[in-house]
Amino acid sequence: MEHFPHAVRLAEAASAAEQQGTGNLLRIILVVMVLGGVLTAWFLLRGYKREDD
């Protein structure tokens, strides 16, 4: 692989991704949970807005 240095870097990145494990999955789940909580709070709290006419 001396002629293909980008292939070596690609292989190193693939092996690093395998070693990382479920980190990306947990990060995605955490972001989805936070966004879901924010959207749920917005949906519930928007009904309490007072309109003084």
Protein backbone atom coordinates (compact mmCIF):
# COMPACT_ATOMS: atom_id res chain seq x y z
CA MET A 1 0.00 0.00 0.00
CA GLU A 2 2.94 2.27 -0.41
CA HIS A 3 1.48 3.61 -3.63
CA PHE A 4 -1.87 4.43 -2.02
CA PRO A 5 -1.31 6.55 1.10
CA HIS A 6 -4.99 7.59 1.15
CA ALA A 7 -5.96 3.91 1.38
CA VAL A 8 -3.83 3.58 4.52
CA ARG A 9 -5.53 6.59 6.09
CA LEU A 10 -8.94 5.19 5.13
CA ALA A 11 -8.08 1.84 6.75
CA GLU A 12 -6.88 3.60 9.91
CA ALA A 13 -10.10 5.62 10.07
CA ALA A 14 -12.18 2.45 9.64
CA SER A 15 -10.34 0.66 12.42
CA ALA A 16 -10.72 3.71 14.69
CA ALA A 17 -14.46 3.76 13.99
CA GLU A 18 -14.72 0.10 14.96
CA GLN A 19 -12.92 0.78 18.23
CA GLN A 20 -15.21 3.69 19.07
CA GLY A 21 -18.20 1.41 19.51
CA THR A 22 -21.63 2.84 20.25
CA GLY A 23 -20.46 6.39 20.91
CA ASN A 24 -22.09 7.84 17.81
CA LEU A 25 -25.36 5.99 18.42
CA LEU A 26 -25.58 7.23 22.00
CA ARG A 27 -24.76 10.76 20.87
CA ILE A 28 -27.60 10.65 18.30
CA ILE A 29 -30.04 9.24 20.88
CA LEU A 30 -29.10 12.00 23.33
CA VAL A 31 -29.64 14.74 20.73
CA VAL A 32 -33.01 13.28 19.70
CA MET A 33 -34.11 13.07 23.34
CA VAL A 34 -33.16 16.70 24.02
CA LEU A 35 -34.89 17.93 20.87
CA GLY A 36 -37.95 15.85 21.72
CA GLY A 37 -38.07 17.33 25.20
CA VAL A 38 -37.79 20.87 23.87
CA LEU A 39 -40.53 20.30 21.30
CA THR A 40 -42.79 18.66 23.90
CA ALA A 41 -42.28 21.55 26.33
CA TRP A 42 -43.02 24.08 23.58
CA PHE A 43 -46.17 22.21 22.55
CA LEU A 44 -47.47 21.97 26.13
CA LEU A 45 -46.55 25.48 27.20
CA ARG A 46 -47.94 27.27 24.15
CA GLY A 47 -51.45 26.52 25.41
CA TYR A 48 -50.83 28.61 28.54
CA LYS A 49 -50.21 31.83 26.62
CA ARG A 50 -52.68 34.52 27.71
CA GLU A 51 -54.22 36.78 25.16
CA ASP A 52 -55.55 39.91 26.91
CA ASP A 53 -57.87 41.62 24.47
